[in-house]
PDB file of N, CA and C in Angstrom:
ATOM      1  N   MET A   1      33.970 -33.696 -27.605  1.00  0.00           N
ATOM      2  CA  MET A   1      33.566 -32.756 -27.455  1.00  0.00           C
ATOM      3  C   MET A   1      32.247 -32.169 -28.149  1.00  0.00           C
ATOM      4  N   SER A   2      31.560 -31.709 -27.866  1.00  0.00           N
ATOM      5  CA  SER A   2      30.214 -31.686 -28.402  1.00  0.00           C
ATOM      6  C   SER A   2      30.057 -30.023 -28.584  1.00  0.00           C
ATOM      7  N   GLN A   3      29.619 -29.777 -30.252  1.00  0.00           N
ATOM      8  CA  GLN A   3      29.390 -28.577 -30.469  1.00  0.00           C
ATOM      9  C   GLN A   3      28.021 -28.116 -30.271  1.00  0.00           C
ATOM     10  N   GLN A   4      27.633 -27.029 -30.108  1.00  0.00           N
ATOM     11  CA  GLN A   4      26.863 -26.410 -29.480  1.00  0.00           C
ATOM     12  C   GLN A   4      25.384 -26.131 -30.974  1.00  0.00           C
ATOM     13  N   GLN A   5      24.516 -26.346 -31.211  1.00  0.00           N
ATOM     14  CA  GLN A   5      23.953 -25.577 -32.490  1.00  0.00           C
ATOM     15  C   GLN A   5      23.291 -24.266 -32.101  1.00  0.00           C
ATOM     16  N   PRO A   6      23.653 -23.095 -32.893  1.00  0.00           N
ATOM     17  CA  PRO A   6      23.922 -21.844 -33.110  1.00  0.00           C
ATOM     18  C   PRO A   6      21.562 -21.479 -32.986  1.00  0.00           C
ATOM     19  N   VAL A   7      21.557 -20.761 -32.177  1.00  0.00           N
ATOM     20  CA  VAL A   7      19.839 -20.194 -32.088  1.00  0.00           C
ATOM     21  C   VAL A   7      19.264 -19.514 -33.469  1.00  0.00           C
ATOM     22  N   SER A   8      18.619 -20.391 -33.788  1.00  0.00           N
ATOM     23  CA  SER A   8      18.285 -19.864 -34.992  1.00  0.00           C
ATOM     24  C   SER A   8      16.700 -19.024 -35.155  1.00  0.00           C
ATOM     25  N   GLY A   9      15.906 -18.563 -36.204  1.00  0.00           N
ATOM     26  CA  GLY A   9      15.039 -17.682 -35.395  1.00  0.00           C
ATOM     27  C   GLY A   9      13.760 -18.202 -35.526  1.00  0.00           C
ATOM     28  N   PRO A  10      12.563 -18.069 -35.633  1.00  0.00           N
ATOM     29  CA  PRO A  10      11.687 -18.511 -35.196  1.00  0.00           C
ATOM     30  C   PRO A  10      11.126 -20.116 -35.596  1.00  0.00           C
ATOM     31  N   ARG A  11      10.572 -21.061 -35.165  1.00  0.00           N
ATOM     32  CA  ARG A  11      10.333 -22.108 -35.490  1.00  0.00           C
ATOM     33  C   ARG A  11       8.942 -21.948 -36.796  1.00  0.00           C
ATOM     34  N   ASN A  12       8.846 -23.285 -37.364  1.00  0.00           N
ATOM     35  CA  ASN A  12       7.852 -23.272 -38.395  1.00  0.00           C
ATOM     36  C   ASN A  12       6.454 -22.557 -37.597  1.00  0.00           C
ATOM     37  N   GLY A  13       5.729 -23.059 -36.264  1.00  0.00           N
ATOM     38  CA  GLY A  13       5.024 -22.963 -35.770  1.00  0.00           C
ATOM     39  C   GLY A  13       4.824 -21.695 -35.327  1.00  0.00           C
ATOM     40  N   ASP A  14       5.950 -20.967 -35.124  1.00  0.00           N
ATOM     41  CA  ASP A  14       6.059 -19.976 -34.507  1.00  0.00           C
ATOM     42  C   ASP A  14       5.260 -18.435 -35.234  1.00  0.00           C
ATOM     43  N   ARG A  15       5.034 -17.136 -35.331  1.00  0.00           N
ATOM     44  CA  ARG A  15       4.574 -16.406 -35.826  1.00  0.00           C
ATOM     45  C   ARG A  15       5.999 -15.914 -36.783  1.00  0.00           C
ATOM     46  N   ALA A  16       5.676 -15.095 -37.497  1.00  0.00           N
ATOM     47  CA  ALA A  16       6.576 -14.616 -38.481  1.00  0.00           C
ATOM     48  C   ALA A  16       7.548 -13.936 -37.525  1.00  0.00           C
ATOM     49  N   ALA A  17       8.948 -13.752 -37.825  1.00  0.00           N
ATOM     50  CA  ALA A  17       9.835 -12.780 -37.280  1.00  0.00           C
ATOM     51  C   ALA A  17       9.776 -11.547 -37.984  1.00  0.00           C
ATOM     52  N   GLY A  18       9.941 -10.506 -37.041  1.00  0.00           N
ATOM     53  CA  GLY A  18       9.722  -9.053 -37.194  1.00  0.00           C
ATOM     54  C   GLY A  18       9.522  -8.183 -36.146  1.00  0.00           C
ATOM     55  N   LEU A  19       8.797  -7.079 -36.536  1.00  0.00           N
ATOM     56  CA  LEU A  19       7.796  -6.088 -35.462  1.00  0.00           C
ATOM     57  C   LEU A  19       7.064  -6.813 -34.755  1.00  0.00           C
ATOM     58  N   ARG A  20       6.732  -7.058 -33.769  1.00  0.00           N
ATOM     59  CA  ARG A  20       5.521  -7.435 -32.865  1.00  0.00           C
ATOM     60  C   ARG A  20       5.083  -6.170 -31.893  1.00  0.00           C
ATOM     61  N   ILE A  21       3.859  -5.813 -32.426  1.00  0.00           N
ATOM     62  CA  ILE A  21       2.952  -4.150 -31.479  1.00  0.00           C
ATOM     63  C   ILE A  21       1.876  -5.331 -30.528  1.00  0.00           C
ATOM     64  N   SER A  22       2.419  -4.991 -29.237  1.00  0.00           N
ATOM     65  CA  SER A  22       1.605  -5.374 -28.262  1.00  0.00           C
ATOM     66  C   SER A  22       0.850  -4.713 -27.628  1.00  0.00           C
ATOM     67  N   TRP A  23      -0.682  -4.881 -27.230  1.00  0.00           N
ATOM     68  CA  TRP A  23      -1.239  -3.824 -26.568  1.00  0.00           C
ATOM     69  C   TRP A  23      -1.127  -2.428 -25.748  1.00  0.00           C
ATOM     70  N   ALA A  24       0.076  -2.887 -25.257  1.00  0.00           N
ATOM     71  CA  ALA A  24       0.866  -2.200 -24.690  1.00  0.00           C
ATOM     72  C   ALA A  24       1.653  -1.053 -25.466  1.00  0.00           C
ATOM     73  N   MET A  25       2.199  -1.217 -26.489  1.00  0.00           N
ATOM     74  CA  MET A  25       2.817  -0.664 -26.917  1.00  0.00           C
ATOM     75  C   MET A  25       1.547   0.620 -27.743  1.00  0.00           C
ATOM     76  N   ILE A  26       0.786  -0.184 -28.329  1.00  0.00           N
ATOM     77  CA  ILE A  26      -0.808   0.380 -29.157  1.00  0.00           C
ATOM     78  C   ILE A  26      -1.386   1.441 -28.229  1.00  0.00           C
ATOM     79  N   GLY A  27      -1.553   0.956 -27.041  1.00  0.00           N
ATOM     80  CA  GLY A  27      -1.987   2.093 -25.826  1.00  0.00           C
ATOM     81  C   GLY A  27      -1.247   3.219 -25.248  1.00  0.00           C
ATOM     82  N   GLY A  28      -0.167   3.031 -25.486  1.00  0.00           N
ATOM     83  CA  GLY A  28       1.273   3.666 -25.133  1.00  0.00           C
ATOM     84  C   GLY A  28       1.224   5.049 -26.025  1.00  0.00           C
ATOM     85  N   LEU A  29       1.283   4.308 -27.509  1.00  0.00           N
ATOM     86  CA  LEU A  29       0.989   5.849 -27.992  1.00  0.00           C
ATOM     87  C   LEU A  29      -0.350   6.307 -28.552  1.00  0.00           C
ATOM     88  N   ALA A  30      -1.437   5.554 -28.006  1.00  0.00           N
ATOM     89  CA  ALA A  30      -2.562   6.230 -28.155  1.00  0.00           C
ATOM     90  C   ALA A  30      -2.869   7.480 -27.053  1.00  0.00           C
ATOM     91  N   GLY A  31      -2.292   7.118 -25.825  1.00  0.00           N
ATOM     92  CA  GLY A  31      -1.516   7.903 -24.447  1.00  0.00           C
ATOM     93  C   GLY A  31      -0.953   9.104 -25.069  1.00  0.00           C
ATOM     94  N   GLY A  32      -0.106   8.711 -25.927  1.00  0.00           N
ATOM     95  CA  GLY A  32       0.758   9.981 -26.199  1.00  0.00           C
ATOM     96  C   GLY A  32       0.158  10.867 -26.974  1.00  0.00           C
ATOM     97  N   GLY A  33      -0.359  10.163 -28.202  1.00  0.00           N
ATOM     98  CA  GLY A  33      -1.242  10.749 -29.093  1.00  0.00           C
ATOM     99  C   GLY A  33      -1.741  11.627 -28.434  1.00  0.00           C
ATOM    100  N   ALA A  34      -2.887  11.352 -27.274  1.00  0.00           N
ATOM    101  CA  ALA A  34      -3.727  11.888 -26.784  1.00  0.00           C
ATOM    102  C   ALA A  34      -2.963  13.276 -25.809  1.00  0.00           C
ATOM    103  N   LEU A  35      -2.141  13.224 -25.080  1.00  0.00           N
ATOM    104  CA  LEU A  35      -1.708  14.053 -24.325  1.00  0.00           C
ATOM    105  C   LEU A  35      -0.780  14.821 -25.286  1.00  0.00           C
ATOM    106  N   LEU A  36      -0.347  14.742 -26.572  1.00  0.00           N
ATOM    107  CA  LEU A  36      -0.052  15.740 -27.379  1.00  0.00           C
ATOM    108  C   LEU A  36      -1.168  16.337 -27.911  1.00  0.00           C
ATOM    109  N   ALA A  37      -2.154  16.331 -28.709  1.00  0.00           N
ATOM    110  CA  ALA A  37      -3.450  16.554 -28.631  1.00  0.00           C
ATOM    111  C   ALA A  37      -3.645  17.853 -27.308  1.00  0.00           C
ATOM    112  N   PHE A  38      -3.808  17.322 -26.555  1.00  0.00           N
ATOM    113  CA  PHE A  38      -3.981  18.257 -25.596  1.00  0.00           C
ATOM    114  C   PHE A  38      -3.122  19.337 -24.574  1.00  0.00           C
ATOM    115  N   VAL A  39      -1.833  19.024 -25.238  1.00  0.00           N
ATOM    116  CA  VAL A  39      -0.802  20.335 -25.082  1.00  0.00           C
ATOM    117  C   VAL A  39      -1.371  21.049 -25.892  1.00  0.00           C
ATOM    118  N   LEU A  40      -1.361  20.771 -26.957  1.00  0.00           N
ATOM    119  CA  LEU A  40      -1.390  21.594 -28.413  1.00  0.00           C
ATOM    120  C   LEU A  40      -2.667  22.314 -28.203  1.00  0.00           C
ATOM    121  N   GLN A  41      -3.716  22.149 -27.646  1.00  0.00           N
ATOM    122  CA  GLN A  41      -5.104  22.474 -27.103  1.00  0.00           C
ATOM    123  C   GLN A  41      -4.988  23.711 -26.460  1.00  0.00           C
ATOM    124  N   ASN A  42      -3.922  23.458 -25.227  1.00  0.00           N
ATOM    125  CA  ASN A  42      -4.262  24.217 -24.376  1.00  0.00           C
ATOM    126  C   ASN A  42      -2.870  24.782 -23.775  1.00  0.00           C
ATOM    127  N   ARG A  43      -2.375  25.432 -24.811  1.00  0.00           N
ATOM    128  CA  ARG A  43      -1.081  26.699 -24.569  1.00  0.00           C
ATOM    129  C   ARG A  43      -1.392  27.838 -24.110  1.00  0.00           C
ATOM    130  N   GLN A  44      -2.435  28.290 -23.877  1.00  0.00           N
ATOM    131  CA  GLN A  44      -2.653  29.684 -22.959  1.00  0.00           C
ATOM    132  C   GLN A  44      -2.578  29.552 -21.397  1.00  0.00           C
ATOM    133  N   ASP A  45      -1.737  30.763 -21.276  1.00  0.00           N
ATOM    134  CA  ASP A  45      -0.870  30.850 -20.044  1.00  0.00           C
ATOM    135  C   ASP A  45      -2.047  31.064 -18.868  1.00  0.00           C
ATOM    136  N   VAL A  46      -1.957  30.772 -17.561  1.00  0.00           N
ATOM    137  CA  VAL A  46      -2.944  30.924 -16.548  1.00  0.00           C
ATOM    138  C   VAL A  46      -1.701  31.538 -15.451  1.00  0.00           C
ATOM    139  N   THR A  47      -2.620  32.696 -14.652  1.00  0.00           N
ATOM    140  CA  THR A  47      -2.341  32.679 -13.126  1.00  0.00           C
ATOM    141  C   THR A  47      -2.379  32.181 -11.929  1.00  0.00           C
ATOM    142  N   THR A  48      -1.584  31.717 -11.781  1.00  0.00           N
ATOM    143  CA  THR A  48      -2.043  30.879 -10.104  1.00  0.00           C
ATOM    144  C   THR A  48      -1.785  31.959  -9.359  1.00  0.00           C
ATOM    145  N   THR A  49      -2.124  31.722  -7.794  1.00  0.00           N
ATOM    146  CA  THR A  49      -1.687  32.590  -7.044  1.00  0.00           C
ATOM    147  C   THR A  49      -2.559  31.838  -5.871  1.00  0.00           C
ATOM    148  N   TRP A  50      -0.867  31.469  -4.763  1.00  0.00           N
ATOM    149  CA  TRP A  50      -1.076  30.484  -3.823  1.00  0.00           C
ATOM    150  C   TRP A  50      -0.100  31.329  -2.317  1.00  0.00           C
ATOM    151  N   LEU A  51      -0.912  31.759  -1.515  1.00  0.00           N
ATOM    152  CA  LEU A  51       0.002  32.257  -0.147  1.00  0.00           C
ATOM    153  C   LEU A  51       0.131  33.236  -0.920  1.00  0.00           C
ATOM    154  N   PHE A  52       1.550  33.684  -0.903  1.00  0.00           N
ATOM    155  CA  PHE A  52       2.339  34.927  -1.311  1.00  0.00           C
ATOM    156  C   PHE A  52       2.750  35.037  -2.836  1.00  0.00           C
ATOM    157  N   TRP A  53       3.099  33.452  -3.308  1.00  0.00           N
ATOM    158  CA  TRP A  53       3.417  33.794  -4.411  1.00  0.00           C
ATOM    159  C   TRP A  53       2.541  33.846  -5.814  1.00  0.00           C
ATOM    160  N   SER A  54       2.872  33.446  -7.083  1.00  0.00           N
ATOM    161  CA  SER A  54       2.093  33.875  -8.180  1.00  0.00           C
ATOM    162  C   SER A  54       2.879  33.250  -8.928  1.00  0.00           C
ATOM    163  N   PHE A  55       2.080  32.149  -9.964  1.00  0.00           N
ATOM    164  CA  PHE A  55       2.449  31.256 -10.902  1.00  0.00           C
ATOM    165  C   PHE A  55       2.263  31.639 -12.507  1.00  0.00           C
ATOM    166  N   THR A  56       2.866  32.261 -13.732  1.00  0.00           N
ATOM    167  CA  THR A  56       2.376  32.417 -14.882  1.00  0.00           C
ATOM    168  C   THR A  56       2.632  30.604 -15.773  1.00  0.00           C
ATOM    169  N   TRP A  57       1.783  30.233 -16.003  1.00  0.00           N
ATOM    170  CA  TRP A  57       2.352  29.270 -16.734  1.00  0.00           C
ATOM    171  C   TRP A  57       1.583  28.534 -17.831  1.00  0.00           C
ATOM    172  N   PRO A  58       2.300  27.300 -18.372  1.00  0.00           N
ATOM    173  CA  PRO A  58       0.897  26.777 -19.368  1.00  0.00           C
ATOM    174  C   PRO A  58      -0.170  26.018 -18.926  1.00  0.00           C
ATOM    175  N   LEU A  59      -1.556  25.859 -19.380  1.00  0.00           N
ATOM    176  CA  LEU A  59      -2.593  25.313 -18.767  1.00  0.00           C
ATOM    177  C   LEU A  59      -2.485  24.212 -18.809  1.00  0.00           C
ATOM    178  N   TRP A  60      -1.391  23.882 -19.513  1.00  0.00           N
ATOM    179  CA  TRP A  60      -2.005  22.034 -19.812  1.00  0.00           C
ATOM    180  C   TRP A  60      -0.292  21.989 -18.821  1.00  0.00           C
ATOM    181  N   LEU A  61       0.462  22.725 -18.850  1.00  0.00           N
ATOM    182  CA  LEU A  61       1.537  22.039 -17.379  1.00  0.00           C
ATOM    183  C   LEU A  61       0.608  22.129 -16.617  1.00  0.00           C
ATOM    184  N   TYR A  62       0.074  23.359 -16.173  1.00  0.00           N
ATOM    185  CA  TYR A  62      -0.290  23.263 -14.424  1.00  0.00           C
ATOM    186  C   TYR A  62      -1.785  22.156 -14.454  1.00  0.00           C
ATOM    187  N   THR A  63      -2.179  21.733 -15.769  1.00  0.00           N
ATOM    188  CA  THR A  63      -3.121  20.747 -15.352  1.00  0.00           C
ATOM    189  C   THR A  63      -2.416  18.928 -15.453  1.00  0.00           C
ATOM    190  N   ILE A  64      -1.282  18.766 -15.500  1.00  0.00           N
ATOM    191  CA  ILE A  64      -0.548  18.082 -15.272  1.00  0.00           C
ATOM    192  C   ILE A  64      -0.073  17.752 -14.484  1.00  0.00           C
ATOM    193  N   VAL A  65       0.120  19.120 -13.760  1.00  0.00           N
ATOM    194  CA  VAL A  65       1.009  19.321 -12.405  1.00  0.00           C
ATOM    195  C   VAL A  65      -0.117  18.926 -11.099  1.00  0.00           C
ATOM    196  N   VAL A  66      -0.876  19.515 -11.520  1.00  0.00           N
ATOM    197  CA  VAL A  66      -2.376  19.249 -10.433  1.00  0.00           C
ATOM    198  C   VAL A  66      -2.995  17.856 -10.690  1.00  0.00           C
ATOM    199  N   ALA A  67      -2.948  17.247 -11.833  1.00  0.00           N
ATOM    200  CA  ALA A  67      -3.089  15.666 -11.709  1.00  0.00           C
ATOM    201  C   ALA A  67      -1.556  14.915 -10.845  1.00  0.00           C
ATOM    202  N   VAL A  68      -0.712  15.177 -11.215  1.00  0.00           N
ATOM    203  CA  VAL A  68       0.505  13.750 -10.591  1.00  0.00           C
ATOM    204  C   VAL A  68       0.252  14.090  -9.261  1.00  0.00           C
ATOM    205  N   LEU A  69      -0.022  15.800  -8.608  1.00  0.00           N
ATOM    206  CA  LEU A  69      -0.048  15.572  -7.217  1.00  0.00           C
ATOM    207  C   LEU A  69      -1.416  15.040  -6.451  1.00  0.00           C
ATOM    208  N   GLY A  70      -2.326  15.467  -7.544  1.00  0.00           N
ATOM    209  CA  GLY A  70      -3.712  14.771  -6.833  1.00  0.00           C
ATOM    210  C   GLY A  70      -3.191  13.409  -6.722  1.00  0.00           C
ATOM    211  N   SER A  71      -2.597  12.467  -7.884  1.00  0.00           N
ATOM    212  CA  SER A  71      -2.563  11.486  -8.007  1.00  0.00           C
ATOM    213  C   SER A  71      -1.378  10.696  -6.691  1.00  0.00           C
ATOM    214  N   LEU A  72      -0.370  11.791  -6.273  1.00  0.00           N
ATOM    215  CA  LEU A  72       0.439  11.193  -5.050  1.00  0.00           C
ATOM    216  C   LEU A  72      -0.334  11.271  -3.902  1.00  0.00           C
ATOM    217  N   VAL A  73      -0.916  11.938  -3.396  1.00  0.00           N
ATOM    218  CA  VAL A  73      -1.878  11.823  -2.264  1.00  0.00           C
ATOM    219  C   VAL A  73      -2.951  11.178  -2.134  1.00  0.00           C
ATOM    220  N   TRP A  74      -3.637  10.381  -3.794  1.00  0.00           N
ATOM    221  CA  TRP A  74      -4.846   9.365  -4.398  1.00  0.00           C
ATOM    222  C   TRP A  74      -3.613   8.149  -3.516  1.00  0.00           C
ATOM    223  N   ILE A  75      -2.244   8.309  -3.967  1.00  0.00           N
ATOM    224  CA  ILE A  75      -1.647   6.481  -3.531  1.00  0.00           C
ATOM    225  C   ILE A  75      -1.151   6.558  -2.054  1.00  0.00           C
ATOM    226  N   ALA A  76      -0.693   7.530  -1.529  1.00  0.00           N
ATOM    227  CA  ALA A  76      -0.125   7.899   0.490  1.00  0.00           C
ATOM    228  C   ALA A  76      -1.553   7.553   0.543  1.00  0.00           C
ATOM    229  N   ALA A  77      -2.978   7.854   0.562  1.00  0.00           N
ATOM    230  CA  ALA A  77      -3.884   7.483   1.469  1.00  0.00           C
ATOM    231  C   ALA A  77      -4.449   6.802   1.151  1.00  0.00           C
ATOM    232  N   GLY A  78      -4.027   5.573   0.388  1.00  0.00           N
ATOM    233  CA  GLY A  78      -3.968   4.142   0.144  1.00  0.00           C
ATOM    234  C   GLY A  78      -3.224   3.481   0.722  1.00  0.00           C
ATOM    235  N   ILE A  79      -2.160   3.718   1.017  1.00  0.00           N
ATOM    236  CA  ILE A  79      -0.522   3.409   1.555  1.00  0.00           C
ATOM    237  C   ILE A  79      -1.267   3.183   3.152  1.00  0.00           C
ATOM    238  N   LEU A  80      -1.273   4.925   3.466  1.00  0.00           N
ATOM    239  CA  LEU A  80      -2.047   4.792   5.287  1.00  0.00           C
ATOM    240  C   LEU A  80      -3.156   3.776   5.675  1.00  0.00           C
ATOM    241  N   ARG A  81      -4.078   3.706   4.226  1.00  0.00           N
ATOM    242  CA  ARG A  81      -5.623   2.520   4.694  1.00  0.00           C
ATOM    243  C   ARG A  81      -4.712   1.385   4.694  1.00  0.00           C
ATOM    244  N   ARG A  82      -4.110   0.903   3.922  1.00  0.00           N
ATOM    245  CA  ARG A  82      -3.604  -0.408   4.022  1.00  0.00           C
ATOM    246  C   ARG A  82      -2.707  -0.505   5.157  1.00  0.00           C
ATOM    247  N   HIS A  83      -1.765   0.579   6.093  1.00  0.00           N
ATOM    248  CA  HIS A  83      -0.968  -0.155   6.643  1.00  0.00           C
ATOM    249  C   HIS A  83      -1.905   0.085   8.435  1.00  0.00           C
ATOM    250  N   ARG A  84      -2.651   0.938   8.468  1.00  0.00           N
ATOM    251  CA  ARG A  84      -3.605   1.092   9.437  1.00  0.00           C
ATOM    252  C   ARG A  84      -4.368  -0.450   9.233  1.00  0.00           C
ATOM    253  N   ARG A  85      -5.003  -0.584   8.619  1.00  0.00           N
ATOM    254  CA  ARG A  85      -5.743  -2.253   8.284  1.00  0.00           C
ATOM    255  C   ARG A  85      -4.387  -3.156   8.414  1.00  0.00           C
ATOM    256  N   ARG A  86      -3.405  -3.229   8.260  1.00  0.00           N
ATOM    257  CA  ARG A  86      -2.186  -4.173   8.898  1.00  0.00           C
ATOM    258  C   ARG A  86      -1.969  -3.903   9.960  1.00  0.00           C
ATOM    259  N   VAL A  87      -2.030  -3.324  10.584  1.00  0.00           N
ATOM    260  CA  VAL A  87      -1.639  -3.100  12.473  1.00  0.00           C
ATOM    261  C   VAL A  87      -3.085  -3.500  13.041  1.00  0.00           C
ATOM    262  N   ALA A  88      -4.224  -3.385  12.575  1.00  0.00           N
ATOM    263  CA  ALA A  88      -5.498  -3.724  13.434  1.00  0.00           C
ATOM    264  C   ALA A  88      -5.615  -5.484  13.224  1.00  0.00           C
ATOM    265  N   ARG A  89      -5.288  -5.908  11.952  1.00  0.00           N
ATOM    266  CA  ARG A  89      -4.891  -7.156  11.897  1.00  0.00           C
ATOM    267  C   ARG A  89      -3.935  -7.727  12.873  1.00  0.00           C
ATOM    268  N   ARG A  90      -3.184  -7.188  13.074  1.00  0.00           N
ATOM    269  CA  ARG A  90      -1.976  -7.938  13.681  1.00  0.00           C
ATOM    270  C   ARG A  90      -2.411  -8.172  15.182  1.00  0.00           C
ATOM    271  N   ALA A  91      -3.121  -7.118  15.837  1.00  0.00           N
ATOM    272  CA  ALA A  91      -3.587  -6.529  17.131  1.00  0.00           C
ATOM    273  C   ALA A  91      -4.798  -7.271  17.219  1.00  0.00           C
ATOM    274  N   THR A  92      -6.072  -7.810  16.173  1.00  0.00           N
ATOM    275  CA  THR A  92      -6.439  -8.668  16.797  1.00  0.00           C
ATOM    276  C   THR A  92      -5.739 -10.363  16.676  1.00  0.00           C
ATOM    277  N   ARG A  93      -4.921 -10.521  15.802  1.00  0.00           N
ATOM    278  CA  ARG A  93      -4.349 -11.637  15.922  1.00  0.00           C
ATOM    279  C   ARG A  93      -4.217 -11.816  17.823  1.00  0.00           C
ATOM    280  N   ARG A  94      -2.858 -11.157  18.108  1.00  0.00           N
ATOM    281  CA  ARG A  94      -2.314 -11.134  19.102  1.00  0.00           C
ATOM    282  C   ARG A  94      -3.247 -10.768  20.138  1.00  0.00           C
ATOM    283  N   GLY A  95      -4.751 -10.716  19.999  1.00  0.00           N
ATOM    284  CA  GLY A  95      -5.831 -10.503  21.078  1.00  0.00           C
ATOM    285  C   GLY A  95      -6.046  -8.883  21.823  1.00  0.00           C
ATOM    286  N   GLU A  96      -5.203  -8.104  21.135  1.00  0.00           N
ATOM    287  CA  GLU A  96      -5.356  -6.583  21.140  1.00  0.00           C
ATOM    288  C   GLU A  96      -6.747  -5.574  21.371  1.00  0.00           C
ATOM    289  N   ALA A  97      -6.865  -5.042  21.837  1.00  0.00           N
ATOM    290  CA  ALA A  97      -7.085  -3.854  21.199  1.00  0.00           C
ATOM    291  C   ALA A  97      -6.710  -3.223  20.092  1.00  0.00           C
ATOM    292  N   PRO A  98      -7.176  -3.045  18.844  1.00  0.00           N
ATOM    293  CA  PRO A  98      -7.037  -2.029  17.362  1.00  0.00           C
ATOM    294  C   PRO A  98      -6.489  -0.631  18.517  1.00  0.00           C
ATOM    295  N   SER A  99      -5.028  -0.026  17.984  1.00  0.00           N
ATOM    296  CA  SER A  99      -5.326   1.050  18.104  1.00  0.00           C
ATOM    297  C   SER A  99      -5.053   2.120  17.362  1.00  0.00           C
ATOM    298  N   GLY A 100      -5.812   3.440  17.797  1.00  0.00           N
ATOM    299  CA  GLY A 100      -5.564   4.529  16.355  1.00  0.00           C
ATOM    300  C   GLY A 100      -6.545   4.905  15.971  1.00  0.00           C
TER     301      GLY A 100
END
């Protein structure tokens, strides 16, 4: 019977063991810090009226909600565009006139 060797730490040529900070972690921390600064600087309340509803909420929350909704619309438009291009390519390959 052969015995397996225990897995050891880094080899001599590898980086030292310990905390490794990636660029993604640095970017995440910087983004989190910027978001915290934004929230702390925009704490005043704003009133938004839409149709017959009226909302009062902090400016930072309003800005983030509007940005997220705008991003979702942007992503949906991109998905719709890709779908239309894919349908047109399929129709061109089959020799049909593209619909739409």
